[in-house]
């Protein structure tokens, strides 16, 4: 299984920056987990092959590139863009984004060959398949309807927390999946902003260290969704934790499991 954290911002010379404003992971070049930077960072291969998007929740940094991605492809689509998400997340998209005021309601549009977009509602704990990948959503603590994901391709299994204020959902997953190959965990704010992190249901390095005490895993732990303005502080504090298997996910790098 290949996992890539897509770029979302740029250095002064135009190259991709490691600072993350938006969230988008791409699995095996053909499934997106969240779509924050999907339209802006997608390659020609992604535009040709990627037709399934799994959303953890409906916050803007996780969906910003979704309407633009569909808009870019609308005229050339031969099959719909399929959105896999909690029913409550789909309701937010229809009410607040694809509502004819902010953007066209692509679920009602057809280019003459295919519908533009199709919703695939899923529930917490429900298995669903996309090609040879099996997904299961677990509950995340983020103050709004949110989910983490377990992803399995028959050989490898990874977990993605999405945005969360604790690792309770991941703890339960690891009890059922002790042979996890990797976990991708958010850590948004530095310790100095612990109050903001708690109020917004995000984690800090100190909170992460405390939460890791409740999960039993020796697999690699990749940290992502670090707020762009605080990346240097968060990375420094994460390194000070000296957790052997912990690594900050590099934007643009391809991780294989």
C-alpha atoms as a PDB file:
ATOM      1  CA  UNK A   1       0.000   0.000   0.000  1.00  0.00           C
ATOM      2  CA  UNK A   2       1.307   3.450  -0.947  1.00  0.00           C
ATOM      3  CA  UNK A   3       0.403   6.534   1.069  1.00  0.00           C
ATOM      4  CA  UNK A   4       1.278  10.111   0.084  1.00  0.00           C
ATOM      5  CA  UNK A   5       0.585  13.317   2.035  1.00  0.00           C
ATOM      6  CA  UNK A   6      -0.164  15.897  -0.638  1.00  0.00           C
ATOM      7  CA  UNK A   7       1.354  19.418  -0.625  1.00  0.00           C
ATOM      8  CA  UNK A   8      -0.780  22.397   0.281  1.00  0.00           C
ATOM      9  CA  UNK A   9       1.479  25.446   0.350  1.00  0.00           C
ATOM     10  CA  UNK A  10       4.543  26.796  -1.414  1.00  0.00           C
ATOM     11  CA  UNK A  11       7.957  28.253  -0.691  1.00  0.00           C
ATOM     12  CA  UNK A  12       8.941  31.647  -2.162  1.00  0.00           C
ATOM     13  CA  UNK A  13      10.633  29.860  -5.087  1.00  0.00           C
ATOM     14  CA  UNK A  14       7.406  28.012  -5.944  1.00  0.00           C
ATOM     15  CA  UNK A  15       8.461  24.581  -4.671  1.00  0.00           C
ATOM     16  CA  UNK A  16       6.174  22.641  -2.354  1.00  0.00           C
ATOM     17  CA  UNK A  17       6.460  23.604   1.287  1.00  0.00           C
ATOM     18  CA  UNK A  18       6.341  21.254   4.274  1.00  0.00           C
ATOM     19  CA  UNK A  19       3.788  23.543   5.916  1.00  0.00           C
ATOM     20  CA  UNK A  20       0.331  22.025   5.862  1.00  0.00           C
ATOM     21  CA  UNK A  21      -2.741  24.216   5.566  1.00  0.00           C
ATOM     22  CA  UNK A  22      -4.986  21.542   4.047  1.00  0.00           C
ATOM     23  CA  UNK A  23      -5.338  17.793   4.508  1.00  0.00           C
ATOM     24  CA  UNK A  24      -5.212  15.229   1.718  1.00  0.00           C
ATOM     25  CA  UNK A  25      -3.711  11.739   1.744  1.00  0.00           C
ATOM     26  CA  UNK A  26      -3.710   9.676  -1.437  1.00  0.00           C
ATOM     27  CA  UNK A  27      -3.707   5.883  -1.254  1.00  0.00           C
ATOM     28  CA  UNK A  28      -2.253   3.898  -4.181  1.00  0.00           C
ATOM     29  CA  UNK A  29      -2.674   6.925  -6.481  1.00  0.00           C
ATOM     30  CA  UNK A  30      -6.421   6.270  -6.789  1.00  0.00           C
ATOM     31  CA  UNK A  31      -8.231   6.958  -3.509  1.00  0.00           C
ATOM     32  CA  UNK A  32      -8.101  10.243  -1.605  1.00  0.00           C
ATOM     33  CA  UNK A  33      -8.550  10.432   2.150  1.00  0.00           C
ATOM     34  CA  UNK A  34      -9.896  13.968   2.533  1.00  0.00           C
ATOM     35  CA  UNK A  35      -9.642  16.505  -0.253  1.00  0.00           C
ATOM     36  CA  UNK A  36      -8.253  19.699   1.212  1.00  0.00           C
ATOM     37  CA  UNK A  37      -5.602  20.186  -1.471  1.00  0.00           C
ATOM     38  CA  UNK A  38      -6.782  17.575  -3.966  1.00  0.00           C
ATOM     39  CA  UNK A  39      -7.524  19.885  -6.897  1.00  0.00           C
ATOM     40  CA  UNK A  40      -4.352  21.900  -6.386  1.00  0.00           C
ATOM     41  CA  UNK A  41      -1.922  19.013  -5.810  1.00  0.00           C
ATOM     42  CA  UNK A  42      -3.342  16.228  -7.991  1.00  0.00           C
ATOM     43  CA  UNK A  43      -1.106  14.863 -10.736  1.00  0.00           C
ATOM     44  CA  UNK A  44      -2.296  13.960 -14.224  1.00  0.00           C
ATOM     45  CA  UNK A  45      -2.450  10.326 -13.063  1.00  0.00           C
ATOM     46  CA  UNK A  46      -4.683  11.266 -10.150  1.00  0.00           C
ATOM     47  CA  UNK A  47      -6.989  13.219 -12.435  1.00  0.00           C
ATOM     48  CA  UNK A  48      -7.176  10.225 -14.755  1.00  0.00           C
ATOM     49  CA  UNK A  49      -7.601   7.439 -12.185  1.00  0.00           C
ATOM     50  CA  UNK A  50      -8.793   8.848  -8.877  1.00  0.00           C
ATOM     51  CA  UNK A  51     -12.576   8.604  -8.617  1.00  0.00           C
ATOM     52  CA  UNK A  52     -13.090   7.772  -4.917  1.00  0.00           C
ATOM     53  CA  UNK A  53     -12.767  10.242  -2.047  1.00  0.00           C
ATOM     54  CA  UNK A  54     -13.203   9.242   1.600  1.00  0.00           C
ATOM     55  CA  UNK A  55     -13.947  12.162   3.917  1.00  0.00           C
ATOM     56  CA  UNK A  56     -13.192  12.053   7.641  1.00  0.00           C
ATOM     57  CA  UNK A  57     -15.276  15.181   8.335  1.00  0.00           C
ATOM     58  CA  UNK A  58     -16.513  18.363   6.708  1.00  0.00           C
ATOM     59  CA  UNK A  59     -14.150  21.067   8.000  1.00  0.00           C
ATOM     60  CA  UNK A  60     -12.892  23.331   5.223  1.00  0.00           C
ATOM     61  CA  UNK A  61      -9.250  22.254   5.403  1.00  0.00           C
ATOM     62  CA  UNK A  62     -10.411  18.703   4.589  1.00  0.00           C
ATOM     63  CA  UNK A  63     -12.844  19.519   1.748  1.00  0.00           C
ATOM     64  CA  UNK A  64     -11.589  22.748   0.122  1.00  0.00           C
ATOM     65  CA  UNK A  65     -10.265  21.036  -3.007  1.00  0.00           C
ATOM     66  CA  UNK A  66     -13.249  18.737  -3.488  1.00  0.00           C
ATOM     67  CA  UNK A  67     -15.576  21.013  -5.517  1.00  0.00           C
ATOM     68  CA  UNK A  68     -12.656  22.271  -7.601  1.00  0.00           C
ATOM     69  CA  UNK A  69     -11.480  18.717  -8.357  1.00  0.00           C
ATOM     70  CA  UNK A  70     -14.935  17.751  -9.613  1.00  0.00           C
ATOM     71  CA  UNK A  71     -15.269  21.021 -11.532  1.00  0.00           C
ATOM     72  CA  UNK A  72     -11.942  20.425 -13.296  1.00  0.00           C
ATOM     73  CA  UNK A  73     -13.003  16.941 -14.446  1.00  0.00           C
ATOM     74  CA  UNK A  74     -16.710  17.471 -15.075  1.00  0.00           C
ATOM     75  CA  UNK A  75     -16.651  17.602 -18.886  1.00  0.00           C
ATOM     76  CA  UNK A  76     -14.389  14.550 -19.276  1.00  0.00           C
ATOM     77  CA  UNK A  77     -15.780  12.186 -16.636  1.00  0.00           C
ATOM     78  CA  UNK A  78     -16.768   8.685 -17.762  1.00  0.00           C
ATOM     79  CA  UNK A  79     -17.842   7.662 -14.261  1.00  0.00           C
ATOM     80  CA  UNK A  80     -18.897   9.716 -11.234  1.00  0.00           C
ATOM     81  CA  UNK A  81     -16.687  10.965  -8.443  1.00  0.00           C
ATOM     82  CA  UNK A  82     -17.766   8.846  -5.470  1.00  0.00           C
ATOM     83  CA  UNK A  83     -17.829  10.488  -2.041  1.00  0.00           C
ATOM     84  CA  UNK A  84     -17.657   8.048   0.876  1.00  0.00           C
ATOM     85  CA  UNK A  85     -18.580   9.748   4.153  1.00  0.00           C
ATOM     86  CA  UNK A  86     -20.813   9.749   7.188  1.00  0.00           C
ATOM     87  CA  UNK A  87     -24.390  10.723   6.357  1.00  0.00           C
ATOM     88  CA  UNK A  88     -24.033  13.797   8.602  1.00  0.00           C
ATOM     89  CA  UNK A  89     -20.962  14.887   6.624  1.00  0.00           C
ATOM     90  CA  UNK A  90     -22.827  14.462   3.334  1.00  0.00           C
ATOM     91  CA  UNK A  91     -25.650  16.579   4.722  1.00  0.00           C
ATOM     92  CA  UNK A  92     -23.180  19.395   5.459  1.00  0.00           C
ATOM     93  CA  UNK A  93     -21.772  19.213   1.919  1.00  0.00           C
ATOM     94  CA  UNK A  94     -25.228  19.456   0.373  1.00  0.00           C
ATOM     95  CA  UNK A  95     -26.379  22.252   2.689  1.00  0.00           C
ATOM     96  CA  UNK A  96     -23.261  24.422   2.811  1.00  0.00           C
ATOM     97  CA  UNK A  97     -21.120  23.688  -0.278  1.00  0.00           C
ATOM     98  CA  UNK A  98     -22.972  22.023  -3.159  1.00  0.00           C
ATOM     99  CA  UNK A  99     -26.041  24.217  -2.673  1.00  0.00           C
ATOM    100  CA  UNK A 100     -26.121  26.238  -5.937  1.00  0.00           C
ATOM    101  CA  UNK A 101     -25.033  29.345  -4.001  1.00  0.00           C
ATOM    102  CA  UNK A 102     -21.475  28.384  -3.076  1.00  0.00           C
ATOM    103  CA  UNK A 103     -21.016  25.785  -5.835  1.00  0.00           C
ATOM    104  CA  UNK A 104     -23.205  23.748  -8.213  1.00  0.00           C
ATOM    105  CA  UNK A 105     -24.948  20.703  -6.740  1.00  0.00           C
ATOM    106  CA  UNK A 106     -22.908  18.153  -8.668  1.00  0.00           C
ATOM    107  CA  UNK A 107     -25.027  15.294  -7.315  1.00  0.00           C
ATOM    108  CA  UNK A 108     -27.790  16.564  -9.640  1.00  0.00           C
ATOM    109  CA  UNK A 109     -25.608  17.142 -12.723  1.00  0.00           C
ATOM    110  CA  UNK A 110     -24.768  14.851 -15.633  1.00  0.00           C
ATOM    111  CA  UNK A 111     -22.283  15.562 -18.426  1.00  0.00           C
ATOM    112  CA  UNK A 112     -24.165  13.431 -20.962  1.00  0.00           C
ATOM    113  CA  UNK A 113     -22.170  10.273 -20.172  1.00  0.00           C
ATOM    114  CA  UNK A 114     -22.309  10.019 -16.395  1.00  0.00           C
ATOM    115  CA  UNK A 115     -23.467  11.667 -13.239  1.00  0.00           C
ATOM    116  CA  UNK A 116     -20.781  14.034 -11.955  1.00  0.00           C
ATOM    117  CA  UNK A 117     -20.841  12.973  -8.308  1.00  0.00           C
ATOM    118  CA  UNK A 118     -22.321  10.169  -6.273  1.00  0.00           C
ATOM    119  CA  UNK A 119     -22.630   9.928  -2.495  1.00  0.00           C
ATOM    120  CA  UNK A 120     -21.846   6.664  -0.704  1.00  0.00           C
ATOM    121  CA  UNK A 121     -22.940   7.115   2.935  1.00  0.00           C
ATOM    122  CA  UNK A 122     -21.231   4.878   5.491  1.00  0.00           C
ATOM    123  CA  UNK A 123     -21.597   4.347   9.227  1.00  0.00           C
ATOM    124  CA  UNK A 124     -19.070   4.061  12.041  1.00  0.00           C
ATOM    125  CA  UNK A 125     -17.876   0.453  12.193  1.00  0.00           C
ATOM    126  CA  UNK A 126     -19.123  -0.392   8.695  1.00  0.00           C
ATOM    127  CA  UNK A 127     -16.754  -2.027   6.190  1.00  0.00           C
ATOM    128  CA  UNK A 128     -16.762  -0.742   2.624  1.00  0.00           C
ATOM    129  CA  UNK A 129     -14.539  -1.567  -0.322  1.00  0.00           C
ATOM    130  CA  UNK A 130     -12.898   0.502  -3.033  1.00  0.00           C
ATOM    131  CA  UNK A 131     -11.137  -1.825  -5.457  1.00  0.00           C
ATOM    132  CA  UNK A 132      -8.860  -4.077  -3.424  1.00  0.00           C
ATOM    133  CA  UNK A 133      -8.909  -1.688  -0.443  1.00  0.00           C
ATOM    134  CA  UNK A 134     -11.207  -2.275   2.519  1.00  0.00           C
ATOM    135  CA  UNK A 135     -12.057   0.677   4.751  1.00  0.00           C
ATOM    136  CA  UNK A 136     -13.668   0.902   8.159  1.00  0.00           C
ATOM    137  CA  UNK A 137     -14.521   4.129   9.956  1.00  0.00           C
ATOM    138  CA  UNK A 138     -14.011   4.554  13.686  1.00  0.00           C
ATOM    139  CA  UNK A 139     -15.233   7.440  15.794  1.00  0.00           C
ATOM    140  CA  UNK A 140     -12.927  10.428  16.274  1.00  0.00           C
ATOM    141  CA  UNK A 141     -13.229  13.107  18.956  1.00  0.00           C
ATOM    142  CA  UNK A 142     -13.302  16.372  17.026  1.00  0.00           C
ATOM    143  CA  UNK A 143     -16.402  18.188  18.231  1.00  0.00           C
ATOM    144  CA  UNK A 144     -18.280  17.578  14.959  1.00  0.00           C
ATOM    145  CA  UNK A 145     -19.223  14.285  13.284  1.00  0.00           C
ATOM    146  CA  UNK A 146     -15.784  12.862  12.482  1.00  0.00           C
ATOM    147  CA  UNK A 147     -14.136   9.552  11.768  1.00  0.00           C
ATOM    148  CA  UNK A 148     -10.764   7.907  11.599  1.00  0.00           C
ATOM    149  CA  UNK A 149     -10.063   5.114   9.147  1.00  0.00           C
ATOM    150  CA  UNK A 150      -8.629   1.619   9.075  1.00  0.00           C
ATOM    151  CA  UNK A 151      -7.450   0.725   5.571  1.00  0.00           C
ATOM    152  CA  UNK A 152      -6.494  -2.810   4.495  1.00  0.00           C
ATOM    153  CA  UNK A 153      -5.402  -4.176   1.119  1.00  0.00           C
ATOM    154  CA  UNK A 154      -5.191  -7.862   2.091  1.00  0.00           C
ATOM    155  CA  UNK A 155      -1.485  -7.604   2.906  1.00  0.00           C
ATOM    156  CA  UNK A 156      -1.065  -4.374   4.859  1.00  0.00           C
ATOM    157  CA  UNK A 157      -3.189  -2.419   7.332  1.00  0.00           C
ATOM    158  CA  UNK A 158      -2.859   1.236   8.311  1.00  0.00           C
ATOM    159  CA  UNK A 159      -4.929   3.589  10.440  1.00  0.00           C
ATOM    160  CA  UNK A 160      -5.534   7.322   9.975  1.00  0.00           C
ATOM    161  CA  UNK A 161      -6.940   9.252  12.929  1.00  0.00           C
ATOM    162  CA  UNK A 162      -8.212  12.265  11.013  1.00  0.00           C
ATOM    163  CA  UNK A 163      -8.513  15.267  13.332  1.00  0.00           C
ATOM    164  CA  UNK A 164      -9.027  14.217  16.940  1.00  0.00           C
ATOM    165  CA  UNK A 165      -8.518  15.375  20.492  1.00  0.00           C
ATOM    166  CA  UNK A 166      -7.608  11.916  21.810  1.00  0.00           C
ATOM    167  CA  UNK A 167      -6.718   8.389  20.702  1.00  0.00           C
ATOM    168  CA  UNK A 168      -9.638   6.509  22.223  1.00  0.00           C
ATOM    169  CA  UNK A 169     -10.918   5.460  18.798  1.00  0.00           C
ATOM    170  CA  UNK A 170      -7.449   4.340  17.713  1.00  0.00           C
ATOM    171  CA  UNK A 171      -7.014   2.398  20.955  1.00  0.00           C
ATOM    172  CA  UNK A 172     -10.086   0.331  20.146  1.00  0.00           C
ATOM    173  CA  UNK A 173      -8.879  -0.230  16.588  1.00  0.00           C
ATOM    174  CA  UNK A 174      -5.492  -1.495  17.741  1.00  0.00           C
ATOM    175  CA  UNK A 175      -7.168  -4.001  20.040  1.00  0.00           C
ATOM    176  CA  UNK A 176      -8.852  -5.484  16.947  1.00  0.00           C
ATOM    177  CA  UNK A 177      -5.874  -4.982  14.594  1.00  0.00           C
ATOM    178  CA  UNK A 178      -2.712  -5.813  16.563  1.00  0.00           C
ATOM    179  CA  UNK A 179      -0.656  -6.289  13.371  1.00  0.00           C
ATOM    180  CA  UNK A 180      -0.995  -2.678  12.181  1.00  0.00           C
ATOM    181  CA  UNK A 181       1.722  -1.623   9.708  1.00  0.00           C
ATOM    182  CA  UNK A 182       1.512   2.114  10.392  1.00  0.00           C
ATOM    183  CA  UNK A 183      -0.661   4.798  11.957  1.00  0.00           C
ATOM    184  CA  UNK A 184      -1.025   8.409  10.839  1.00  0.00           C
ATOM    185  CA  UNK A 185      -1.874  10.642  13.802  1.00  0.00           C
ATOM    186  CA  UNK A 186      -2.698  14.339  13.908  1.00  0.00           C
ATOM    187  CA  UNK A 187      -0.858  16.775  16.190  1.00  0.00           C
ATOM    188  CA  UNK A 188      -2.029  20.270  15.363  1.00  0.00           C
ATOM    189  CA  UNK A 189      -0.778  22.683  18.028  1.00  0.00           C
ATOM    190  CA  UNK A 190       2.317  23.217  20.212  1.00  0.00           C
ATOM    191  CA  UNK A 191       2.100  22.680  23.964  1.00  0.00           C
ATOM    192  CA  UNK A 192       1.892  26.442  24.547  1.00  0.00           C
ATOM    193  CA  UNK A 193      -1.544  26.424  22.885  1.00  0.00           C
ATOM    194  CA  UNK A 194      -2.955  23.472  24.807  1.00  0.00           C
ATOM    195  CA  UNK A 195      -6.115  25.389  25.728  1.00  0.00           C
ATOM    196  CA  UNK A 196      -6.859  26.148  22.073  1.00  0.00           C
ATOM    197  CA  UNK A 197      -6.068  22.549  21.166  1.00  0.00           C
ATOM    198  CA  UNK A 198      -8.427  21.213  23.813  1.00  0.00           C
ATOM    199  CA  UNK A 199     -11.240  23.581  22.858  1.00  0.00           C
ATOM    200  CA  UNK A 200     -10.906  22.707  19.161  1.00  0.00           C
ATOM    201  CA  UNK A 201     -10.453  18.963  19.779  1.00  0.00           C
ATOM    202  CA  UNK A 202      -6.891  18.733  18.493  1.00  0.00           C
ATOM    203  CA  UNK A 203      -3.715  17.364  20.042  1.00  0.00           C
ATOM    204  CA  UNK A 204      -0.395  18.792  21.190  1.00  0.00           C
ATOM    205  CA  UNK A 205       2.872  16.864  21.604  1.00  0.00           C
ATOM    206  CA  UNK A 206       2.313  16.545  25.360  1.00  0.00           C
ATOM    207  CA  UNK A 207      -1.248  15.321  24.799  1.00  0.00           C
ATOM    208  CA  UNK A 208       0.021  12.897  22.175  1.00  0.00           C
ATOM    209  CA  UNK A 209       2.620  11.498  24.581  1.00  0.00           C
ATOM    210  CA  UNK A 210      -0.074  10.985  27.192  1.00  0.00           C
ATOM    211  CA  UNK A 211      -2.428   9.346  24.701  1.00  0.00           C
ATOM    212  CA  UNK A 212       0.274   7.034  23.325  1.00  0.00           C
ATOM    213  CA  UNK A 213       0.424   5.569  26.808  1.00  0.00           C
ATOM    214  CA  UNK A 214      -3.050   4.130  26.250  1.00  0.00           C
ATOM    215  CA  UNK A 215      -2.338   2.497  22.877  1.00  0.00           C
ATOM    216  CA  UNK A 216      -0.243  -0.583  22.365  1.00  0.00           C
ATOM    217  CA  UNK A 217       1.646  -0.521  19.098  1.00  0.00           C
ATOM    218  CA  UNK A 218       5.219  -0.851  17.918  1.00  0.00           C
ATOM    219  CA  UNK A 219       4.446   0.080  14.322  1.00  0.00           C
ATOM    220  CA  UNK A 220       5.660   3.343  12.756  1.00  0.00           C
ATOM    221  CA  UNK A 221       3.734   6.440  13.844  1.00  0.00           C
ATOM    222  CA  UNK A 222       3.570   9.287  11.322  1.00  0.00           C
ATOM    223  CA  UNK A 223       2.462  12.716  12.512  1.00  0.00           C
ATOM    224  CA  UNK A 224       0.484  14.930  10.127  1.00  0.00           C
ATOM    225  CA  UNK A 225      -2.029  17.807  10.141  1.00  0.00           C
ATOM    226  CA  UNK A 226       0.361  20.130  11.992  1.00  0.00           C
ATOM    227  CA  UNK A 227      -0.916  23.711  11.816  1.00  0.00           C
ATOM    228  CA  UNK A 228       1.270  25.576   9.359  1.00  0.00           C
ATOM    229  CA  UNK A 229       2.131  28.542  11.602  1.00  0.00           C
ATOM    230  CA  UNK A 230       3.305  26.271  14.415  1.00  0.00           C
ATOM    231  CA  UNK A 231       5.091  23.547  12.473  1.00  0.00           C
ATOM    232  CA  UNK A 232       8.603  24.325  13.754  1.00  0.00           C
ATOM    233  CA  UNK A 233       7.479  24.396  17.392  1.00  0.00           C
ATOM    234  CA  UNK A 234       5.463  21.207  17.086  1.00  0.00           C
ATOM    235  CA  UNK A 235       8.249  19.320  15.305  1.00  0.00           C
ATOM    236  CA  UNK A 236      10.775  20.388  17.951  1.00  0.00           C
ATOM    237  CA  UNK A 237       8.466  19.266  20.763  1.00  0.00           C
ATOM    238  CA  UNK A 238       7.726  15.967  19.022  1.00  0.00           C
ATOM    239  CA  UNK A 239      11.443  15.254  18.656  1.00  0.00           C
ATOM    240  CA  UNK A 240      11.902  15.948  22.367  1.00  0.00           C
ATOM    241  CA  UNK A 241       9.444  13.139  23.155  1.00  0.00           C
ATOM    242  CA  UNK A 242      12.070  10.655  21.919  1.00  0.00           C
ATOM    243  CA  UNK A 243       9.450   8.090  20.883  1.00  0.00           C
ATOM    244  CA  UNK A 244      11.503   5.632  18.754  1.00  0.00           C
ATOM    245  CA  UNK A 245       8.875   4.837  16.126  1.00  0.00           C
ATOM    246  CA  UNK A 246       7.507   8.376  15.823  1.00  0.00           C
ATOM    247  CA  UNK A 247       8.232  10.407  12.678  1.00  0.00           C
ATOM    248  CA  UNK A 248       6.798  13.595  11.217  1.00  0.00           C
ATOM    249  CA  UNK A 249       5.229  12.744   7.858  1.00  0.00           C
ATOM    250  CA  UNK A 250       7.004  14.477   5.001  1.00  0.00           C
ATOM    251  CA  UNK A 251       4.742  16.201   2.529  1.00  0.00           C
ATOM    252  CA  UNK A 252       5.158  14.703  -0.928  1.00  0.00           C
ATOM    253  CA  UNK A 253       6.958  11.582   0.267  1.00  0.00           C
ATOM    254  CA  UNK A 254       5.516   8.180  -0.671  1.00  0.00           C
ATOM    255  CA  UNK A 255       5.302   5.675   2.188  1.00  0.00           C
ATOM    256  CA  UNK A 256       4.991   2.011   1.275  1.00  0.00           C
ATOM    257  CA  UNK A 257       3.670  -0.723   3.537  1.00  0.00           C
END
